[in-house]
Protein backbone atom coordinates (compact mmCIF):
# COMPACT_ATOMS: atom_id res chain seq x y z
CA MET A 1 -177.43 53.40 9.96
CA ASN A 2 -173.94 52.00 9.49
CA LEU A 3 -174.15 49.20 6.85
CA ASN A 4 -172.19 46.94 9.26
CA ASN A 5 -174.72 47.11 12.00
CA ILE A 6 -177.52 44.66 11.94
CA THR A 7 -180.62 45.54 14.20
CA ASN A 8 -181.92 43.34 16.95
CA SER A 9 -184.68 43.51 19.61
CA TYR A 10 -182.28 44.92 22.17
CA ILE A 11 -181.23 47.88 19.91
CA GLN A 12 -185.01 48.52 19.24
CA CYS A 13 -185.59 48.99 22.93
CA LEU A 14 -183.65 52.39 22.58
CA GLU A 15 -185.14 55.56 21.50
CA PRO A 16 -185.16 55.81 17.55
CA GLY A 17 -181.79 56.68 16.28
CA TYR A 18 -180.00 56.54 19.66
CA PHE A 19 -177.83 53.49 18.87
CA ASP A 20 -176.25 55.24 16.01
CA LYS A 21 -175.54 58.31 18.10
CA ILE A 22 -173.28 56.51 20.54
CA PRO A 23 -169.76 55.72 19.38
CA LYS A 24 -168.60 52.12 19.22
CA THR A 25 -165.99 52.73 21.93
CA VAL A 26 -168.59 53.99 24.28
CA TRP A 27 -170.77 50.92 23.58
CA ALA A 28 -167.65 48.81 24.15
CA ALA A 29 -166.98 50.46 27.55
CA ILE A 30 -170.60 50.14 28.72
CA ALA A 31 -170.45 46.29 27.76
CA ILE A 32 -167.37 45.83 29.56
CA SER A 33 -168.36 47.62 32.58
CA LEU A 34 -171.59 45.75 32.81
CA ALA A 35 -169.89 42.39 32.15
CA THR A 36 -167.28 42.86 34.71
CA THR A 37 -169.41 44.28 37.65
CA GLY A 38 -168.48 47.88 37.03
CA GLY A 39 -164.93 47.00 36.14
CA ASP A 40 -164.07 44.99 39.24
CA ARG A 41 -163.15 41.93 37.20
CA LEU A 42 -161.50 43.51 34.07
CA ASN A 43 -159.22 40.44 33.75
CA GLU A 44 -162.34 38.45 32.94
CA ALA A 45 -163.70 40.92 30.27
CA THR A 46 -163.01 38.92 27.10
CA LEU A 47 -164.43 35.69 28.49
CA ALA A 48 -167.45 37.47 29.89
CA ILE A 49 -168.20 39.21 26.66
CA ILE A 50 -167.84 36.05 24.65
CA LYS A 51 -170.08 34.12 26.88
CA GLU A 52 -172.76 36.78 26.73
CA TRP A 53 -172.39 36.96 22.89
CA ARG A 54 -172.83 33.20 22.74
CA ALA A 55 -175.99 33.33 24.88
CA LEU A 56 -177.42 36.22 22.76
CA TYR A 57 -176.68 34.17 19.63
CA TYR A 58 -178.11 30.92 20.87
CA ASN A 59 -181.20 32.70 21.96
CA GLY A 60 -181.73 34.31 18.51
CA ILE A 61 -181.01 37.90 19.73
CA VAL A 62 -178.07 38.45 17.37
CA LYS A 63 -177.28 36.87 14.03
CA GLN A 64 -173.53 37.07 14.26
CA LYS A 65 -171.80 33.89 15.48
CA PRO A 66 -169.49 34.35 18.32
CA PRO A 67 -165.92 33.01 18.11
CA LYS A 68 -165.46 29.32 18.90
CA GLU A 69 -162.55 29.91 21.28
CA GLU A 70 -163.11 31.11 24.83
CA ILE A 71 -160.32 33.85 24.60
CA LEU A 72 -159.71 35.80 21.31
């Protein structure tokens, strides 16, 4: 596993080793597609990702803090 990757309960839902087999750019495309209703709201991608990250952080799913600003 990449040393920058910290596991979480969501990653553990995947088959063992599968997370590391998928390139980061593919994970990003999946996340953005899901966060923007299949790409229908691409102009809202950054805000949607930050909001989801914030929700995951505050619910203890991920340890990495989201940025304080709404748009990076």
